Amino acid sequence: MKDYLLRATAANGTVRIVAALTSEMTEEARKTHELFPVASAALGRTLTAAAMMSLSMKGEKDSLTIQFSGDGPLGGLVVVSDSKANVRGYVNNPNIDLPLNQKGKLDVGGAIGRGRLTVIMDMGLKEPYIGNVNIVTGEIAEDLAAYYAYSEQIPTAIALGVLVDVDETVLNSGGLMIQIMPDAEESTIDYIEKKVAGMQSITNMLSEGKTLEEILQMVLGDLELKIGEKSQCLYKCNCSRDRMERNIYSLGIKELEDILSEQGEAEAQCHFCNKTYIFDKDDLKEMINSLKE
């Protein structure tokens, strides 16, 4: 089944929901970065969250960035999405291997450790919105729920999951985000809390062959659930030679001259897709002359 996002509302619009199937994008990230299982789980969960969160953006050039800066062996994690849920990301150490946690699951929390979670929303205003919270567990979902509670004052339940096979490929990946609006009734809040607490994991439901529509019916079908718009999500990098060239330009004349004399060419690699761009001696000479004008 192709990856997709699904919007929905419940309880007369007082509850907003986004569900995501992200198995293909997470497998694409795994292959791109040659991720070990715990890194696949950490990056896949965050890619899924970013895809769901991106639906709040409307502008063509809007962007969302999620950064986990923890003290664990993963060494940090960055995910970026545009307003069309084209996501990309990387971890600093893709090849860490940790024992399973006490629940017998991949130890994402141990991989990320403690530190800060930063969410940056660039909506084309003078300054981007930047929210910072402490990492609560490092398990991604709880940390992003804390971000919504503290930075945006929106009670939010988030479930994220990545199931990795014995050969380290991604079997399935997905997520669910439920947000309670200020005018929601207490009975609605109580119902959702109980449902979420007793809910199977996203990966279990996907492994059983359930669609996002069926998952939403299971969780919120008793609350006048209304299924809304369906849209795609992709692992897609927006790097280009022009963008990398601007990065090389930013080094300045002195450093460019040093690179030209010592190496004869400059190499720039994209963190998100690992594509390498080579700028030969003629390219470097042209940049230097341009900067001198």
Protein backbone atom coordinates (compact mmCIF):
# COMPACT_ATOMS: atom_id res chain seq x y z
CA MET A 1 0.00 0.00 0.00
CA LYS A 2 1.32 3.44 -0.94
CA ASP A 3 2.14 5.90 1.85
CA TYR A 4 -0.55 8.44 2.63
CA LEU A 5 -1.92 10.86 5.21
CA LEU A 6 -5.54 10.95 6.32
CA ARG A 7 -7.28 13.85 8.04
CA ALA A 8 -10.38 13.42 10.17
CA THR A 9 -12.49 15.13 12.81
CA ALA A 10 -14.67 13.81 15.62
CA ALA A 11 -17.06 15.03 18.31
CA ASN A 12 -18.52 17.85 16.18
CA GLY A 13 -15.10 19.08 15.12
CA THR A 14 -13.74 19.43 18.66
CA VAL A 15 -11.21 16.68 17.97
CA ARG A 16 -8.81 16.81 15.03
CA ILE A 17 -6.98 13.75 13.81
CA VAL A 18 -4.22 12.96 11.37
CA ALA A 19 -3.18 9.39 10.60
CA ALA A 20 -0.17 8.37 8.53
CA LEU A 21 1.11 5.33 6.70
CA THR A 22 4.84 5.90 6.10
CA SER A 23 6.37 2.48 5.44
CA GLU A 24 7.84 3.38 2.05
CA MET A 25 9.34 6.70 3.14
CA THR A 26 10.93 5.11 6.20
CA GLU A 27 12.41 2.29 4.09
CA GLU A 28 13.70 4.91 1.63
CA ALA A 29 15.40 6.74 4.52
CA ARG A 30 16.86 3.46 5.78
CA LYS A 31 18.36 2.64 2.38
CA THR A 32 19.61 6.19 1.79
CA HIS A 33 21.48 6.38 5.09
CA GLU A 34 22.18 2.63 5.57
CA LEU A 35 20.52 2.81 8.98
CA PHE A 36 20.80 0.19 11.70
CA PRO A 37 17.42 -0.78 13.23
CA VAL A 38 17.34 1.63 16.19
CA ALA A 39 18.30 4.52 13.91
CA SER A 40 15.57 3.44 11.45
CA ALA A 41 13.04 3.53 14.26
CA ALA A 42 14.16 6.95 15.53
CA LEU A 43 14.30 8.60 12.12
CA GLY A 44 11.16 6.85 10.85
CA ARG A 45 9.09 7.98 13.83
CA THR A 46 10.26 11.56 13.38
CA LEU A 47 9.67 11.54 9.62
CA THR A 48 6.13 10.29 10.29
CA ALA A 49 5.50 13.00 12.88
CA ALA A 50 6.82 15.71 10.56
CA ALA A 51 4.57 14.52 7.73
CA MET A 52 1.52 14.71 10.00
CA MET A 53 2.50 18.07 11.49
CA SER A 54 3.14 19.53 8.04
CA LEU A 55 -0.59 19.52 7.30
CA SER A 56 -0.93 22.63 9.46
CA MET A 57 1.12 24.58 6.90
CA LYS A 58 -0.51 26.19 3.87
CA GLY A 59 2.11 28.26 2.04
CA GLU A 60 4.06 26.87 -0.90
CA LYS A 61 7.39 27.78 0.75
CA ASP A 62 6.45 26.94 4.36
CA SER A 63 8.71 24.48 6.14
CA LEU A 64 8.85 22.53 9.38
CA THR A 65 12.05 21.37 11.09
CA ILE A 66 12.26 18.94 14.01
CA GLN A 67 15.60 18.63 15.81
CA PHE A 68 16.45 16.23 18.63
CA SER A 69 19.71 17.28 20.29
CA GLY A 70 20.31 14.54 22.84
CA ASP A 71 23.32 13.14 24.65
CA GLY A 72 22.71 9.57 23.48
CA PRO A 73 24.83 7.63 20.98
CA LEU A 74 22.57 8.56 18.03
CA GLY A 75 24.22 11.98 18.28
CA GLY A 76 21.24 14.06 17.15
CA LEU A 77 18.49 13.88 14.57
CA VAL A 78 17.08 16.39 12.07
CA VAL A 79 13.92 16.11 9.95
CA VAL A 80 12.51 18.74 7.56
CA SER A 81 9.16 18.80 5.77
CA ASP A 82 7.53 21.15 3.31
CA SER A 83 3.80 21.94 3.28
CA LYS A 84 3.11 18.98 0.96
CA ALA A 85 4.56 16.38 3.35
CA ASN A 86 7.74 15.88 1.33
CA VAL A 87 10.06 14.93 4.17
CA ARG A 88 13.77 14.34 4.53
CA GLY A 89 16.06 13.74 7.47
CA TYR A 90 19.23 12.26 8.90
CA VAL A 91 20.81 11.07 12.13
CA ASN A 92 24.39 11.85 13.11
CA ASN A 93 25.26 8.22 13.82
CA PRO A 94 23.27 5.83 11.60
CA ASN A 95 25.15 2.69 12.66
CA ILE A 96 24.57 2.42 16.40
CA ASP A 97 23.59 -0.96 17.81
CA LEU A 98 21.89 -1.03 21.21
CA PRO A 99 20.30 -3.91 23.15
CA LEU A 100 16.50 -3.96 23.28
CA ASN A 101 14.87 -1.97 26.08
CA GLN A 102 13.00 -3.46 29.06
CA LYS A 103 9.87 -3.90 26.92
CA GLY A 104 11.78 -5.86 24.31
CA LYS A 105 11.56 -2.96 21.84
CA LEU A 106 14.17 -0.99 19.94
CA ASP A 107 15.69 1.43 22.45
CA VAL A 108 15.03 4.74 20.69
CA GLY A 109 14.96 6.60 24.00
CA GLY A 110 18.39 5.27 24.91
CA ALA A 111 19.72 6.15 21.46
CA ILE A 112 18.57 9.77 21.70
CA GLY A 113 19.20 10.34 25.40
CA ARG A 114 18.36 13.59 27.20
CA GLY A 115 18.65 17.12 25.88
CA ARG A 116 16.43 19.47 23.88
CA LEU A 117 13.74 19.11 21.26
CA THR A 118 13.40 22.07 18.90
CA VAL A 119 10.54 22.61 16.45
CA ILE A 120 10.93 25.38 13.85
CA MET A 121 7.96 26.52 11.78
CA ASP A 122 8.88 28.86 8.93
CA MET A 123 5.59 30.25 7.60
CA GLY A 124 7.02 33.10 5.53
CA LEU A 125 6.78 35.68 8.34
CA LYS A 126 9.61 38.00 9.40
CA GLU A 127 10.88 35.41 11.86
CA PRO A 128 10.21 31.66 12.05
CA TYR A 129 8.42 30.29 15.11
CA ILE A 130 10.84 28.32 17.30
CA GLY A 131 9.62 26.10 20.13
CA ASN A 132 11.99 24.40 22.61
CA VAL A 133 11.23 21.76 25.22
CA ASN A 134 13.29 19.28 27.19
CA ILE A 135 13.38 15.76 25.80
CA VAL A 136 11.02 13.77 28.05
CA THR A 137 11.72 10.16 27.08
CA GLY A 138 13.53 10.28 23.74
CA GLU A 139 10.87 7.97 22.31
CA ILE A 140 9.74 10.78 19.93
CA ALA A 141 5.94 10.57 20.37
CA GLU A 142 5.91 11.58 24.04
CA ASP A 143 8.39 14.36 23.37
CA LEU A 144 6.32 15.87 20.56
CA ALA A 145 3.18 15.60 22.69
CA ALA A 146 5.05 17.57 25.37
CA TYR A 147 6.02 20.16 22.75
CA TYR A 148 2.37 20.69 21.82
CA ALA A 149 1.33 20.90 25.47
CA TYR A 150 4.02 23.40 26.52
CA SER A 151 4.67 25.44 23.37
CA GLU A 152 1.27 25.49 21.67
CA GLN A 153 -1.05 24.66 24.60
CA ILE A 154 -2.85 22.00 22.56
CA PRO A 155 -3.55 18.68 24.34
CA THR A 156 -2.22 16.12 21.87
CA ALA A 157 -1.93 12.34 21.86
CA ILE A 158 0.65 10.96 19.43
CA ALA A 159 1.36 7.33 18.54
CA LEU A 160 4.30 6.48 16.29
CA GLY A 161 5.76 3.16 15.27
CA VAL A 162 8.34 1.54 13.00
CA LEU A 163 8.55 -2.24 12.65
CA VAL A 164 11.92 -3.54 11.42
CA ASP A 165 12.39 -7.04 9.98
CA VAL A 166 15.22 -9.43 10.86
CA ASP A 167 17.04 -8.37 7.68
CA GLU A 168 16.82 -4.72 8.94
CA THR A 169 14.33 -3.64 6.24
CA VAL A 170 11.25 -1.70 7.34
CA LEU A 171 8.12 -3.87 7.47
CA ASN A 172 5.78 -1.01 8.28
CA SER A 173 5.69 2.47 9.74
CA GLY A 174 2.92 4.84 10.70
CA GLY A 175 1.43 7.26 13.16
CA LEU A 176 -1.65 8.81 14.69
CA MET A 177 -2.05 12.33 16.08
CA ILE A 178 -5.16 13.33 18.01
CA GLN A 179 -5.60 16.96 19.08
CA ILE A 180 -8.30 18.17 21.44
CA MET A 181 -9.68 21.65 20.78
CA PRO A 182 -10.57 24.07 23.63
CA ASP A 183 -14.32 23.54 23.22
CA ALA A 184 -14.17 19.74 23.61
CA GLU A 185 -16.36 18.29 26.37
CA GLU A 186 -14.85 16.53 29.37
CA SER A 187 -16.61 13.30 28.41
CA THR A 188 -14.88 13.43 25.01
CA ILE A 189 -11.49 13.94 26.65
CA ASP A 190 -12.08 11.04 29.05
CA TYR A 191 -13.16 8.77 26.19
CA ILE A 192 -10.07 9.56 24.13
CA GLU A 193 -7.72 9.07 27.08
CA LYS A 194 -9.15 5.59 27.73
CA LYS A 195 -9.12 4.63 24.05
CA VAL A 196 -5.53 5.75 23.55
CA ALA A 197 -4.38 3.98 26.72
CA GLY A 198 -5.89 0.67 25.55
CA MET A 199 -4.99 1.00 21.89
CA GLN A 200 -2.83 -1.57 20.09
CA SER A 201 0.43 -0.27 18.65
CA ILE A 202 0.26 1.29 15.22
CA THR A 203 2.68 -1.32 13.87
CA ASN A 204 0.52 -4.19 15.17
CA MET A 205 -2.58 -2.78 13.48
CA LEU A 206 -0.72 -2.20 10.22
CA SER A 207 0.73 -5.73 10.41
CA GLU A 208 -2.83 -7.06 10.63
CA GLY A 209 -3.52 -5.36 7.31
CA LYS A 210 -5.69 -2.57 8.68
CA THR A 211 -5.99 0.64 6.67
CA LEU A 212 -5.80 4.07 8.28
CA GLU A 213 -9.55 4.41 7.80
CA GLU A 214 -10.12 1.18 9.72
CA ILE A 215 -7.70 2.22 12.48
CA LEU A 216 -9.54 5.52 12.95
CA GLN A 217 -12.88 3.72 13.10
CA MET A 218 -11.51 1.41 15.80
CA VAL A 219 -10.17 4.26 17.92
CA LEU A 220 -12.69 7.07 17.38
CA GLY A 221 -15.64 5.55 15.55
CA ASP A 222 -17.98 6.18 18.51
CA LEU A 223 -17.34 9.95 18.43
CA GLU A 224 -19.13 10.88 15.18
CA LEU A 225 -15.93 10.35 13.22
CA LYS A 226 -15.77 12.18 9.89
CA ILE A 227 -13.05 11.04 7.50
CA GLY A 228 -11.61 13.95 5.54
CA GLU A 229 -8.94 14.60 2.96
CA LYS A 230 -6.40 11.99 1.88
CA SER A 231 -2.97 13.08 0.62
CA GLN A 232 0.43 11.60 -0.16
CA CYS A 233 3.68 11.81 1.77
CA LEU A 234 7.13 11.09 0.37
CA TYR A 235 10.78 10.93 1.32
CA LYS A 236 12.03 13.63 -1.03
CA CYS A 237 15.12 15.82 -0.92
CA ASN A 238 15.12 19.30 -2.46
CA CYS A 239 18.88 19.69 -2.79
CA SER A 240 20.33 20.99 -6.04
CA ARG A 241 23.67 21.99 -7.54
CA ASP A 242 22.67 25.66 -7.30
CA ARG A 243 21.92 25.33 -3.59
CA MET A 244 25.22 23.58 -2.93
CA GLU A 245 27.03 26.20 -5.00
CA ARG A 246 25.64 28.92 -2.72
CA ASN A 247 27.08 27.01 0.25
CA ILE A 248 30.49 26.89 -1.43
CA TYR A 249 30.28 30.63 -2.21
CA SER A 250 29.64 31.31 1.49
CA LEU A 251 33.13 30.03 2.35
CA GLY A 252 34.60 33.30 1.06
CA ILE A 253 37.52 34.17 -1.19
CA LYS A 254 40.37 33.15 1.14
CA GLU A 255 39.05 29.65 1.84
CA LEU A 256 38.09 29.09 -1.80
CA GLU A 257 41.63 30.05 -2.87
CA ASP A 258 43.06 27.63 -0.30
CA ILE A 259 40.83 24.82 -1.58
CA LEU A 260 41.83 25.60 -5.18
CA SER A 261 45.56 25.54 -4.44
CA GLU A 262 45.54 22.55 -2.05
CA GLN A 263 42.83 20.28 -3.47
CA GLY A 264 41.95 21.60 -6.91
CA GLU A 265 38.24 20.96 -6.38
CA ALA A 266 35.51 21.23 -3.76
CA GLU A 267 33.09 18.49 -2.80
CA ALA A 268 29.73 19.09 -1.13
CA GLN A 269 27.49 16.30 0.12
CA CYS A 270 23.82 16.66 1.02
CA HIS A 271 23.07 15.41 4.55
CA PHE A 272 19.55 14.38 3.58
CA CYS A 273 20.10 12.26 0.45
CA ASN A 274 23.89 11.75 0.44
CA LYS A 275 24.21 13.06 -3.11
CA THR A 276 27.66 14.50 -3.79
CA TYR A 277 28.30 17.59 -5.90
CA ILE A 278 31.79 18.26 -7.32
CA PHE A 279 33.02 21.77 -8.17
CA ASP A 280 36.21 21.55 -10.26
CA LYS A 281 39.02 24.09 -10.57
CA ASP A 282 37.21 26.05 -13.29
CA ASP A 283 34.12 26.30 -11.09
CA LEU A 284 36.24 27.50 -8.17
CA LYS A 285 38.08 30.08 -10.28
CA GLU A 286 34.74 31.42 -11.53
CA MET A 287 33.44 31.72 -7.96
CA ILE A 288 36.57 33.50 -6.76
CA ASN A 289 36.48 35.96 -9.67
CA SER A 290 32.79 36.57 -9.06
CA LEU A 291 33.42 37.34 -5.38
CA LYS A 292 36.24 39.74 -6.29
CA GLU A 293 34.04 41.81 -8.61
